[in-house]
Amino acid sequence: AKLGTVIRKWNGEKMAYLKNWGEGWGFVPSDRALVFVDNHDNQRGH
């Protein structure tokens, strides 16, 4: 959701802000995270 907002440049977001990507963005610890750009649900709006 956040990466899509940044790449789309919505809400004034910039790729420069990705310098502290990960836990710095309030995500779960890296060794507890499974990550993806989209999945079967949210690519359909679910």
ModelCIF file with pLDDT and N, C-alpha, C, O atoms, coordinates in Angstrom:
data_MODEL
#
_entry.id   MODEL 
#
_entity.id                         1 
_entity.type                       polymer 
_entity.pdbx_number_of_molecules   1 
#
_entity_poly.entity_id                      1 
_entity_poly.type                           'polypeptide(L)' 
_entity_poly.nstd_linkage                   no 
_entity_poly.nstd_monomer                   no 
_entity_poly.pdbx_seq_one_letter_code       AKLGTVIRKWNGEKMAYLKNWGEGWGFVPSDRALVFVDNHDNQRGH 
_entity_poly.pdbx_seq_one_letter_code_can   AKLGTVIRKWNGEKMAYLKNWGEGWGFVPSDRALVFVDNHDNQRGH 
_entity_poly.pdbx_strand_id                 A 
#
loop_
_entity_poly_seq.entity_id 
_entity_poly_seq.num 
_entity_poly_seq.mon_id 
_entity_poly_seq.hetero 
1 1  ALA n 
1 2  LYS n 
1 3  LEU n 
1 4  GLY n 
1 5  THR n 
1 6  VAL n 
1 7  ILE n 
1 8  ARG n 
1 9  LYS n 
1 10 TRP n 
1 11 ASN n 
1 12 GLY n 
1 13 GLU n 
1 14 LYS n 
1 15 MET n 
1 16 ALA n 
1 17 TYR n 
1 18 LEU n 
1 19 LYS n 
1 20 ASN n 
1 21 TRP n 
1 22 GLY n 
1 23 GLU n 
1 24 GLY n 
1 25 TRP n 
1 26 GLY n 
1 27 PHE n 
1 28 VAL n 
1 29 PRO n 
1 30 SER n 
1 31 ASP n 
1 32 ARG n 
1 33 ALA n 
1 34 LEU n 
1 35 VAL n 
1 36 PHE n 
1 37 VAL n 
1 38 ASP n 
1 39 ASN n 
1 40 HIS n 
1 41 ASP n 
1 42 ASN n 
1 43 GLN n 
1 44 ARG n 
1 45 GLY n 
1 46 HIS n 
#
_struct_asym.id          A 
_struct_asym.entity_id   1 
#
loop_
_ma_qa_metric.id 
_ma_qa_metric.mode 
_ma_qa_metric.name 
_ma_qa_metric.software_group_id 
_ma_qa_metric.type 
1 global pLDDT . pLDDT 
2 local  pLDDT . pLDDT 
#
_ma_qa_metric_global.metric_id      1 
_ma_qa_metric_global.metric_value   96.83 
_ma_qa_metric_global.model_id       1 
_ma_qa_metric_global.ordinal_id     1 
#
loop_
_ma_qa_metric_local.label_asym_id 
_ma_qa_metric_local.label_comp_id 
_ma_qa_metric_local.label_seq_id 
_ma_qa_metric_local.metric_id 
_ma_qa_metric_local.metric_value 
_ma_qa_metric_local.model_id 
_ma_qa_metric_local.ordinal_id 
A ALA 1  2 97.00 1 1  
A LYS 2  2 97.00 1 2  
A LEU 3  2 98.00 1 3  
A GLY 4  2 98.00 1 4  
A THR 5  2 97.00 1 5  
A VAL 6  2 98.00 1 6  
A ILE 7  2 98.00 1 7  
A ARG 8  2 98.00 1 8  
A LYS 9  2 98.00 1 9  
A TRP 10 2 97.00 1 10 
A ASN 11 2 95.00 1 11 
A GLY 12 2 96.00 1 12 
A GLU 13 2 98.00 1 13 
A LYS 14 2 98.00 1 14 
A MET 15 2 98.00 1 15 
A ALA 16 2 98.00 1 16 
A TYR 17 2 98.00 1 17 
A LEU 18 2 98.00 1 18 
A LYS 19 2 98.00 1 19 
A ASN 20 2 98.00 1 20 
A TRP 21 2 98.00 1 21 
A GLY 22 2 97.00 1 22 
A GLU 23 2 97.00 1 23 
A GLY 24 2 97.00 1 24 
A TRP 25 2 97.00 1 25 
A GLY 26 2 96.00 1 26 
A PHE 27 2 97.00 1 27 
A VAL 28 2 97.00 1 28 
A PRO 29 2 97.00 1 29 
A SER 30 2 98.00 1 30 
A ASP 31 2 97.00 1 31 
A ARG 32 2 97.00 1 32 
A ALA 33 2 98.00 1 33 
A LEU 34 2 98.00 1 34 
A VAL 35 2 98.00 1 35 
A PHE 36 2 98.00 1 36 
A VAL 37 2 98.00 1 37 
A ASP 38 2 98.00 1 38 
A ASN 39 2 98.00 1 39 
A HIS 40 2 97.00 1 40 
A ASP 41 2 95.00 1 41 
A ASN 42 2 94.00 1 42 
A GLN 43 2 96.00 1 43 
A ARG 44 2 94.00 1 44 
A GLY 45 2 88.00 1 45 
A HIS 46 2 88.00 1 46 
#
loop_
_atom_site.group_PDB 
_atom_site.id 
_atom_site.type_symbol 
_atom_site.label_atom_id 
_atom_site.label_alt_id 
_atom_site.label_comp_id 
_atom_site.label_asym_id 
_atom_site.label_entity_id 
_atom_site.label_seq_id 
_atom_site.pdbx_PDB_ins_code 
_atom_site.Cartn_x 
_atom_site.Cartn_y 
_atom_site.Cartn_z 
_atom_site.occupancy 
_atom_site.B_iso_or_equiv 
_atom_site.pdbx_formal_charge 
_atom_site.auth_seq_id 
_atom_site.auth_comp_id 
_atom_site.auth_asym_id 
_atom_site.auth_atom_id 
_atom_site.pdbx_PDB_model_num 
ATOM 1   N N  . ALA A 1 1  ? 0.835   -1.207  0.000  1.00 97.00 ? 1  ALA A N  1 
ATOM 2   C CA . ALA A 1 1  ? 0.000   0.000   0.000  1.00 97.00 ? 1  ALA A CA 1 
ATOM 3   C C  . ALA A 1 1  ? 0.870   1.258   0.000  1.00 97.00 ? 1  ALA A C  1 
ATOM 4   O O  . ALA A 1 1  ? 0.607   2.200   -0.748 1.00 97.00 ? 1  ALA A O  1 
ATOM 5   N N  . LYS A 1 2  ? 1.911   1.269   0.846  1.00 97.00 ? 2  LYS A N  1 
ATOM 6   C CA . LYS A 1 2  ? 2.795   2.451   0.938  1.00 97.00 ? 2  LYS A CA 1 
ATOM 7   C C  . LYS A 1 2  ? 3.684   2.564   -0.298 1.00 97.00 ? 2  LYS A C  1 
ATOM 8   O O  . LYS A 1 2  ? 3.874   3.659   -0.829 1.00 97.00 ? 2  LYS A O  1 
ATOM 9   N N  . LEU A 1 3  ? 4.229   1.437   -0.757 1.00 98.00 ? 3  LEU A N  1 
ATOM 10  C CA . LEU A 1 3  ? 5.124   1.499   -1.920 1.00 98.00 ? 3  LEU A CA 1 
ATOM 11  C C  . LEU A 1 3  ? 4.349   1.970   -3.153 1.00 98.00 ? 3  LEU A C  1 
ATOM 12  O O  . LEU A 1 3  ? 4.873   2.729   -3.968 1.00 98.00 ? 3  LEU A O  1 
ATOM 13  N N  . GLY A 1 4  ? 3.097   1.515   -3.289 1.00 98.00 ? 4  GLY A N  1 
ATOM 14  C CA . GLY A 1 4  ? 2.263   1.978   -4.396 1.00 98.00 ? 4  GLY A CA 1 
ATOM 15  C C  . GLY A 1 4  ? 2.018   3.475   -4.339 1.00 98.00 ? 4  GLY A C  1 
ATOM 16  O O  . GLY A 1 4  ? 2.031   4.151   -5.367 1.00 98.00 ? 4  GLY A O  1 
ATOM 17  N N  . THR A 1 5  ? 1.794   3.994   -3.134 1.00 97.00 ? 5  THR A N  1 
ATOM 18  C CA . THR A 1 5  ? 1.580   5.439   -2.969 1.00 97.00 ? 5  THR A CA 1 
ATOM 19  C C  . THR A 1 5  ? 2.820   6.224   -3.388 1.00 97.00 ? 5  THR A C  1 
ATOM 20  O O  . THR A 1 5  ? 2.720   7.276   -4.021 1.00 97.00 ? 5  THR A O  1 
ATOM 21  N N  . VAL A 1 6  ? 4.005   5.690   -3.021 1.00 98.00 ? 6  VAL A N  1 
ATOM 22  C CA . VAL A 1 6  ? 5.265   6.376   -3.357 1.00 98.00 ? 6  VAL A CA 1 
ATOM 23  C C  . VAL A 1 6  ? 5.516   6.332   -4.866 1.00 98.00 ? 6  VAL A C  1 
ATOM 24  O O  . VAL A 1 6  ? 5.818   7.359   -5.474 1.00 98.00 ? 6  VAL A O  1 
ATOM 25  N N  . ILE A 1 7  ? 5.394   5.150   -5.469 1.00 98.00 ? 7  ILE A N  1 
ATOM 26  C CA . ILE A 1 7  ? 5.682   5.022   -6.904 1.00 98.00 ? 7  ILE A CA 1 
ATOM 27  C C  . ILE A 1 7  ? 4.678   5.838   -7.733 1.00 98.00 ? 7  ILE A C  1 
ATOM 28  O O  . ILE A 1 7  ? 5.028   6.383   -8.779 1.00 98.00 ? 7  ILE A O  1 
ATOM 29  N N  . ARG A 1 8  ? 3.436   5.915   -7.257 1.00 98.00 ? 8  ARG A N  1 
ATOM 30  C CA . ARG A 1 8  ? 2.416   6.717   -7.959 1.00 98.00 ? 8  ARG A CA 1 
ATOM 31  C C  . ARG A 1 8  ? 2.591   8.222   -7.702 1.00 98.00 ? 8  ARG A C  1 
ATOM 32  O O  . ARG A 1 8  ? 1.973   9.053   -8.367 1.00 98.00 ? 8  ARG A O  1 
ATOM 33  N N  . LYS A 1 9  ? 3.455   8.559   -6.712 1.00 98.00 ? 9  LYS A N  1 
ATOM 34  C CA . LYS A 1 9  ? 3.716   9.959   -6.337 1.00 98.00 ? 9  LYS A CA 1 
ATOM 35  C C  . LYS A 1 9  ? 2.455   10.645  -5.810 1.00 98.00 ? 9  LYS A C  1 
ATOM 36  O O  . LYS A 1 9  ? 2.226   11.829  -6.056 1.00 98.00 ? 9  LYS A O  1 
ATOM 37  N N  . TRP A 1 10 ? 1.654   9.886   -5.090 1.00 97.00 ? 10 TRP A N  1 
ATOM 38  C CA . TRP A 1 10 ? 0.448   10.445  -4.486 1.00 97.00 ? 10 TRP A CA 1 
ATOM 39  C C  . TRP A 1 10 ? 0.794   11.100  -3.146 1.00 97.00 ? 10 TRP A C  1 
ATOM 40  O O  . TRP A 1 10 ? 1.794   10.759  -2.514 1.00 97.00 ? 10 TRP A O  1 
ATOM 41  N N  . ASN A 1 11 ? -0.041  12.033  -2.732 1.00 95.00 ? 11 ASN A N  1 
ATOM 42  C CA . ASN A 1 11 ? 0.070   12.677  -1.405 1.00 95.00 ? 11 ASN A CA 1 
ATOM 43  C C  . ASN A 1 11 ? 1.452   13.287  -1.159 1.00 95.00 ? 11 ASN A C  1 
ATOM 44  O O  . ASN A 1 11 ? 1.911   13.366  -0.019 1.00 95.00 ? 11 ASN A O  1 
ATOM 45  N N  . GLY A 1 12 ? 2.107   13.718  -2.241 1.00 96.00 ? 12 GLY A N  1 
ATOM 46  C CA . GLY A 1 12 ? 3.425   14.339  -2.084 1.00 96.00 ? 12 GLY A CA 1 
ATOM 47  C C  . GLY A 1 12 ? 4.543   13.370  -1.754 1.00 96.00 ? 12 GLY A C  1 
ATOM 48  O O  . GLY A 1 12 ? 5.647   13.790  -1.408 1.00 96.00 ? 12 GLY A O  1 
ATOM 49  N N  . GLU A 1 13 ? 4.270   12.074  -1.855 1.00 98.00 ? 13 GLU A N  1 
ATOM 50  C CA . GLU A 1 13 ? 5.311   11.086  -1.540 1.00 98.00 ? 13 GLU A CA 1 
ATOM 51  C C  . GLU A 1 13 ? 6.379   11.072  -2.638 1.00 98.00 ? 13 GLU A C  1 
ATOM 52  O O  . GLU A 1 13 ? 6.081   11.287  -3.813 1.00 98.00 ? 13 GLU A O  1 
ATOM 53  N N  . LYS A 1 14 ? 7.637   10.812  -2.230 1.00 98.00 ? 14 LYS A N  1 
ATOM 54  C CA . LYS A 1 14 ? 8.763   10.758  -3.168 1.00 98.00 ? 14 LYS A CA 1 
ATOM 55  C C  . LYS A 1 14 ? 9.605   9.522   -2.871 1.00 98.00 ? 14 LYS A C  1 
ATOM 56  O O  . LYS A 1 14 ? 9.664   9.050   -1.735 1.00 98.00 ? 14 LYS A O  1 
ATOM 57  N N  . MET A 1 15 ? 10.251  9.010   -3.909 1.00 98.00 ? 15 MET A N  1 
ATOM 58  C CA . MET A 1 15 ? 11.136  7.860   -3.705 1.00 98.00 ? 15 MET A CA 1 
ATOM 59  C C  . MET A 1 15 ? 12.305  8.204   -2.782 1.00 98.00 ? 15 MET A C  1 
ATOM 60  O O  . MET A 1 15 ? 12.866  7.318   -2.137 1.00 98.00 ? 15 MET A O  1 
ATOM 61  N N  . ALA A 1 16 ? 12.674  9.487   -2.716 1.00 98.00 ? 16 ALA A N  1 
ATOM 62  C CA . ALA A 1 16 ? 13.747  9.904   -1.800 1.00 98.00 ? 16 ALA A CA 1 
ATOM 63  C C  . ALA A 1 16 ? 13.416  9.536   -0.353 1.00 98.00 ? 16 ALA A C  1 
ATOM 64  O O  . ALA A 1 16 ? 14.313  9.327   0.464  1.00 98.00 ? 16 ALA A O  1 
ATOM 65  N N  . TYR A 1 17 ? 12.120  9.460   -0.046 1.00 98.00 ? 17 TYR A N  1 
ATOM 66  C CA . TYR A 1 17 ? 11.708  9.131   1.325  1.00 98.00 ? 17 TYR A CA 1 
ATOM 67  C C  . TYR A 1 17 ? 11.904  7.651   1.659  1.00 98.00 ? 17 TYR A C  1 
ATOM 68  O O  . TYR A 1 17 ? 11.709  7.249   2.806  1.00 98.00 ? 17 TYR A O  1 
ATOM 69  N N  . LEU A 1 18 ? 12.288  6.831   0.666  1.00 98.00 ? 18 LEU A N  1 
ATOM 70  C CA . LEU A 1 18 ? 12.441  5.394   0.895  1.00 98.00 ? 18 LEU A CA 1 
ATOM 71  C C  . LEU A 1 18 ? 13.776  5.034   1.541  1.00 98.00 ? 18 LEU A C  1 
ATOM 72  O O  . LEU A 1 18 ? 14.082  3.857   1.732  1.00 98.00 ? 18 LEU A O  1 
ATOM 73  N N  . LYS A 1 19 ? 14.568  6.049   1.876  1.00 98.00 ? 19 LYS A N  1 
ATOM 74  C CA . LYS A 1 19 ? 15.898  5.788   2.432  1.00 98.00 ? 19 LYS A CA 1 
ATOM 75  C C  . LYS A 1 19 ? 15.831  4.914   3.688  1.00 98.00 ? 19 LYS A C  1 
ATOM 76  O O  . LYS A 1 19 ? 16.701  4.071   3.904  1.00 98.00 ? 19 LYS A O  1 
ATOM 77  N N  . ASN A 1 20 ? 14.804  5.114   4.511  1.00 98.00 ? 20 ASN A N  1 
ATOM 78  C CA . ASN A 1 20 ? 14.678  4.310   5.744  1.00 98.00 ? 20 ASN A CA 1 
ATOM 79  C C  . ASN A 1 20 ? 13.536  3.297   5.624  1.00 98.00 ? 20 ASN A C  1 
ATOM 80  O O  . ASN A 1 20 ? 12.883  2.969   6.615  1.00 98.00 ? 20 ASN A O  1 
ATOM 81  N N  . TRP A 1 21 ? 13.301  2.809   4.413  1.00 98.00 ? 21 TRP A N  1 
ATOM 82  C CA . TRP A 1 21 ? 12.232  1.849   4.114  1.00 98.00 ? 21 TRP A CA 1 
ATOM 83  C C  . TRP A 1 21 ? 12.340  0.622   5.023  1.00 98.00 ? 21 TRP A C  1 
ATOM 84  O O  . TRP A 1 21 ? 13.434  0.153   5.336  1.00 98.00 ? 21 TRP A O  1 
ATOM 85  N N  . GLY A 1 22 ? 11.198  0.127   5.430  1.00 97.00 ? 22 GLY A N  1 
ATOM 86  C CA . GLY A 1 22 ? 11.174  -1.044  6.307  1.00 97.00 ? 22 GLY A CA 1 
ATOM 87  C C  . GLY A 1 22 ? 10.630  -0.664  7.667  1.00 97.00 ? 22 GLY A C  1 
ATOM 88  O O  . GLY A 1 22 ? 9.600   0.002   7.773  1.00 97.00 ? 22 GLY A O  1 
ATOM 89  N N  . GLU A 1 23 ? 11.336  -1.096  8.719  1.00 97.00 ? 23 GLU A N  1 
ATOM 90  C CA . GLU A 1 23 ? 10.885  -0.773  10.075 1.00 97.00 ? 23 GLU A CA 1 
ATOM 91  C C  . GLU A 1 23 ? 10.714  0.734   10.283 1.00 97.00 ? 23 GLU A C  1 
ATOM 92  O O  . GLU A 1 23 ? 9.860   1.166   11.058 1.00 97.00 ? 23 GLU A O  1 
ATOM 93  N N  . GLY A 1 24 ? 11.540  1.536   9.579  1.00 97.00 ? 24 GLY A N  1 
ATOM 94  C CA . GLY A 1 24 ? 11.451  2.992   9.696  1.00 97.00 ? 24 GLY A CA 1 
ATOM 95  C C  . GLY A 1 24 ? 10.115  3.554   9.223  1.00 97.00 ? 24 GLY A C  1 
ATOM 96  O O  . GLY A 1 24 ? 9.764   4.690   9.541  1.00 97.00 ? 24 GLY A O  1 
ATOM 97  N N  . TRP A 1 25 ? 9.378   2.758   8.466  1.00 97.00 ? 25 TRP A N  1 
ATOM 98  C CA . TRP A 1 25 ? 8.045   3.166   7.999  1.00 97.00 ? 25 TRP A CA 1 
ATOM 99  C C  . TRP A 1 25 ? 6.934   2.563   8.859  1.00 97.00 ? 25 TRP A C  1 
ATOM 100 O O  . TRP A 1 25 ? 5.756   2.624   8.507  1.00 97.00 ? 25 TRP A O  1 
ATOM 101 N N  . GLY A 1 26 ? 7.333   1.978   9.997  1.00 96.00 ? 26 GLY A N  1 
ATOM 102 C CA . GLY A 1 26 ? 6.337   1.403   10.889 1.00 96.00 ? 26 GLY A CA 1 
ATOM 103 C C  . GLY A 1 26 ? 5.933   -0.015  10.538 1.00 96.00 ? 26 GLY A C  1 
ATOM 104 O O  . GLY A 1 26 ? 4.894   -0.497  10.989 1.00 96.00 ? 26 GLY A O  1 
ATOM 105 N N  . PHE A 1 27 ? 6.756   -0.695  9.726  1.00 97.00 ? 27 PHE A N  1 
ATOM 106 C CA . PHE A 1 27 ? 6.455   -2.075  9.358  1.00 97.00 ? 27 PHE A CA 1 
ATOM 107 C C  . PHE A 1 27 ? 6.929   -3.026  10.466 1.00 97.00 ? 27 PHE A C  1 
ATOM 108 O O  . PHE A 1 27 ? 7.692   -2.637  11.350 1.00 97.00 ? 27 PHE A O  1 
ATOM 109 N N  . VAL A 1 28 ? 6.463   -4.276  10.397 1.00 97.00 ? 28 VAL A N  1 
ATOM 110 C CA . VAL A 1 28 ? 6.899   -5.276  11.376 1.00 97.00 ? 28 VAL A CA 1 
ATOM 111 C C  . VAL A 1 28 ? 8.386   -5.564  11.163 1.00 97.00 ? 28 VAL A C  1 
ATOM 112 O O  . VAL A 1 28 ? 8.919   -5.267  10.094 1.00 97.00 ? 28 VAL A O  1 
ATOM 113 N N  . PRO A 1 29 ? 9.066   -6.137  12.165 1.00 97.00 ? 29 PRO A N  1 
ATOM 114 C CA . PRO A 1 29 ? 10.498  -6.441  11.985 1.00 97.00 ? 29 PRO A CA 1 
ATOM 115 C C  . PRO A 1 29 ? 10.742  -7.287  10.737 1.00 97.00 ? 29 PRO A C  1 
ATOM 116 O O  . PRO A 1 29 ? 9.936   -8.147  10.382 1.00 97.00 ? 29 PRO A O  1 
ATOM 117 N N  . SER A 1 30 ? 11.865  -7.026  10.087 1.00 98.00 ? 30 SER A N  1 
ATOM 118 C CA . SER A 1 30 ? 12.174  -7.673  8.810  1.00 98.00 ? 30 SER A CA 1 
ATOM 119 C C  . SER A 1 30 ? 12.121  -9.198  8.893  1.00 98.00 ? 30 SER A C  1 
ATOM 120 O O  . SER A 1 30 ? 11.644  -9.857  7.968  1.00 98.00 ? 30 SER A O  1 
ATOM 121 N N  . ASP A 1 31 ? 12.609  -9.756  10.000 1.00 97.00 ? 31 ASP A N  1 
ATOM 122 C CA . ASP A 1 31 ? 12.662  -11.221 10.106 1.00 97.00 ? 31 ASP A CA 1 
ATOM 123 C C  . ASP A 1 31 ? 11.313  -11.833 10.482 1.00 97.00 ? 31 ASP A C  1 
ATOM 124 O O  . ASP A 1 31 ? 11.204  -13.044 10.674 1.00 97.00 ? 31 ASP A O  1 
ATOM 125 N N  . ARG A 1 32 ? 10.276  -10.977 10.588 1.00 97.00 ? 32 ARG A N  1 
ATOM 126 C CA . ARG A 1 32 ? 8.915   -11.468 10.845 1.00 97.00 ? 32 ARG A CA 1 
ATOM 127 C C  . ARG A 1 32 ? 7.984   -11.147 9.666  1.00 97.00 ? 32 ARG A C  1 
ATOM 128 O O  . ARG A 1 32 ? 6.789   -11.437 9.720  1.00 97.00 ? 32 ARG A O  1 
ATOM 129 N N  . ALA A 1 33 ? 8.530   -10.553 8.614  1.00 98.00 ? 33 ALA A N  1 
ATOM 130 C CA . ALA A 1 33 ? 7.680   -10.049 7.524  1.00 98.00 ? 33 ALA A CA 1 
ATOM 131 C C  . ALA A 1 33 ? 7.753   -10.915 6.281  1.00 98.00 ? 33 ALA A C  1 
ATOM 132 O O  . ALA A 1 33 ? 8.836   -11.319 5.857  1.00 98.00 ? 33 ALA A O  1 
ATOM 133 N N  . LEU A 1 34 ? 6.585   -11.200 5.694  1.00 98.00 ? 34 LEU A N  1 
ATOM 134 C CA . LEU A 1 34 ? 6.499   -11.684 4.324  1.00 98.00 ? 34 LEU A CA 1 
ATOM 135 C C  . LEU A 1 34 ? 5.913   -10.521 3.522  1.00 98.00 ? 34 LEU A C  1 
ATOM 136 O O  . LEU A 1 34 ? 4.845   -10.007 3.853  1.00 98.00 ? 34 LEU A O  1 
ATOM 137 N N  . VAL A 1 35 ? 6.627   -10.108 2.457  1.00 98.00 ? 35 VAL A N  1 
ATOM 138 C CA . VAL A 1 35 ? 6.240   -8.878  1.754  1.00 98.00 ? 35 VAL A CA 1 
ATOM 139 C C  . VAL A 1 35 ? 5.943   -9.147  0.283  1.00 98.00 ? 35 VAL A C  1 
ATOM 140 O O  . VAL A 1 35 ? 6.411   -10.122 -0.305 1.00 98.00 ? 35 VAL A O  1 
ATOM 141 N N  . PHE A 1 36 ? 5.144   -8.243  -0.287 1.00 98.00 ? 36 PHE A N  1 
ATOM 142 C CA . PHE A 1 36 ? 4.673   -8.387  -1.659 1.00 98.00 ? 36 PHE A CA 1 
ATOM 143 C C  . PHE A 1 36 ? 4.153   -7.037  -2.117 1.00 98.00 ? 36 PHE A C  1 
ATOM 144 O O  . PHE A 1 36 ? 3.719   -6.222  -1.303 1.00 98.00 ? 36 PHE A O  1 
ATOM 145 N N  . VAL A 1 37 ? 4.198   -6.800  -3.428 1.00 98.00 ? 37 VAL A N  1 
ATOM 146 C CA . VAL A 1 37 ? 3.652   -5.572  -3.993 1.00 98.00 ? 37 VAL A CA 1 
ATOM 147 C C  . VAL A 1 37 ? 2.131   -5.677  -4.090 1.00 98.00 ? 37 VAL A C  1 
ATOM 148 O O  . VAL A 1 37 ? 1.410   -4.726  -3.785 1.00 98.00 ? 37 VAL A O  1 
ATOM 149 N N  . ASP A 1 38 ? 1.653   -6.853  -4.520 1.00 98.00 ? 38 ASP A N  1 
ATOM 150 C CA . ASP A 1 38 ? 0.211   -7.110  -4.585 1.00 98.00 ? 38 ASP A CA 1 
ATOM 151 C C  . ASP A 1 38 ? -0.027  -8.587  -4.316 1.00 98.00 ? 38 ASP A C  1 
ATOM 152 O O  . ASP A 1 38 ? 0.891   -9.400  -4.417 1.00 98.00 ? 38 ASP A O  1 
ATOM 153 N N  . ASN A 1 39 ? -1.271  -8.933  -3.972 1.00 98.00 ? 39 ASN A N  1 
ATOM 154 C CA . ASN A 1 39 ? -1.624  -10.347 -3.840 1.00 98.00 ? 39 ASN A CA 1 
ATOM 155 C C  . ASN A 1 39 ? -2.966  -10.590 -4.513 1.00 98.00 ? 39 ASN A C  1 
ATOM 156 O O  . ASN A 1 39 ? -3.559  -9.664  -5.067 1.00 98.00 ? 39 ASN A O  1 
ATOM 157 N N  . HIS A 1 40 ? -3.449  -11.832 -4.469 1.00 97.00 ? 40 HIS A N  1 
ATOM 158 C CA . HIS A 1 40 ? -4.657  -12.195 -5.213 1.00 97.00 ? 40 HIS A CA 1 
ATOM 159 C C  . HIS A 1 40 ? -5.877  -11.428 -4.724 1.00 97.00 ? 40 HIS A C  1 
ATOM 160 O O  . HIS A 1 40 ? -6.814  -11.210 -5.492 1.00 97.00 ? 40 HIS A O  1 
ATOM 161 N N  . ASP A 1 41 ? -5.881  -11.016 -3.464 1.00 95.00 ? 41 ASP A N  1 
ATOM 162 C CA . ASP A 1 41 ? -7.009  -10.245 -2.928 1.00 95.00 ? 41 ASP A CA 1 
ATOM 163 C C  . ASP A 1 41 ? -6.934  -8.782  -3.348 1.00 95.00 ? 41 ASP A C  1 
ATOM 164 O O  . ASP A 1 41 ? -7.850  -8.255  -3.979 1.00 95.00 ? 41 ASP A O  1 
ATOM 165 N N  . ASN A 1 42 ? -5.820  -8.131  -2.985 1.00 94.00 ? 42 ASN A N  1 
ATOM 166 C CA . ASN A 1 42 ? -5.816  -6.668  -3.133 1.00 94.00 ? 42 ASN A CA 1 
ATOM 167 C C  . ASN A 1 42 ? -5.607  -6.202  -4.568 1.00 94.00 ? 42 ASN A C  1 
ATOM 168 O O  . ASN A 1 42 ? -5.821  -5.026  -4.863 1.00 94.00 ? 42 ASN A O  1 
ATOM 169 N N  . GLN A 1 43 ? -5.193  -7.096  -5.473 1.00 96.00 ? 43 GLN A N  1 
ATOM 170 C CA . GLN A 1 43 ? -5.145  -6.676  -6.880 1.00 96.00 ? 43 GLN A CA 1 
ATOM 171 C C  . GLN A 1 43 ? -6.560  -6.550  -7.449 1.00 96.00 ? 43 GLN A C  1 
ATOM 172 O O  . GLN A 1 43 ? -6.756  -6.001  -8.533 1.00 96.00 ? 43 GLN A O  1 
ATOM 173 N N  . ARG A 1 44 ? -7.545  -7.066  -6.700 1.00 94.00 ? 44 ARG A N  1 
ATOM 174 C CA . ARG A 1 44 ? -8.957  -6.957  -7.087 1.00 94.00 ? 44 ARG A CA 1 
ATOM 175 C C  . ARG A 1 44 ? -9.713  -5.952  -6.227 1.00 94.00 ? 44 ARG A C  1 
ATOM 176 O O  . ARG A 1 44 ? -10.929 -5.813  -6.357 1.00 94.00 ? 44 ARG A O  1 
ATOM 177 N N  . GLY A 1 45 ? -8.990  -5.244  -5.340 1.00 88.00 ? 45 GLY A N  1 
ATOM 178 C CA . GLY A 1 45 ? -9.663  -4.294  -4.469 1.00 88.00 ? 45 GLY A CA 1 
ATOM 179 C C  . GLY A 1 45 ? -10.195 -4.895  -3.193 1.00 88.00 ? 45 GLY A C  1 
ATOM 180 O O  . GLY A 1 45 ? -10.846 -4.203  -2.410 1.00 88.00 ? 45 GLY A O  1 
ATOM 181 N N  . HIS A 1 46 ? -9.926  -6.200  -2.958 1.00 88.00 ? 46 HIS A N  1 
ATOM 182 C CA . HIS A 1 46 ? -10.330 -6.845  -1.705 1.00 88.00 ? 46 HIS A CA 1 
ATOM 183 C C  . HIS A 1 46 ? -9.200  -6.737  -0.693 1.00 88.00 ? 46 HIS A C  1 
ATOM 184 O O  . HIS A 1 46 ? -9.332  -7.217  0.433  1.00 88.00 ? 46 HIS A O  1 
#
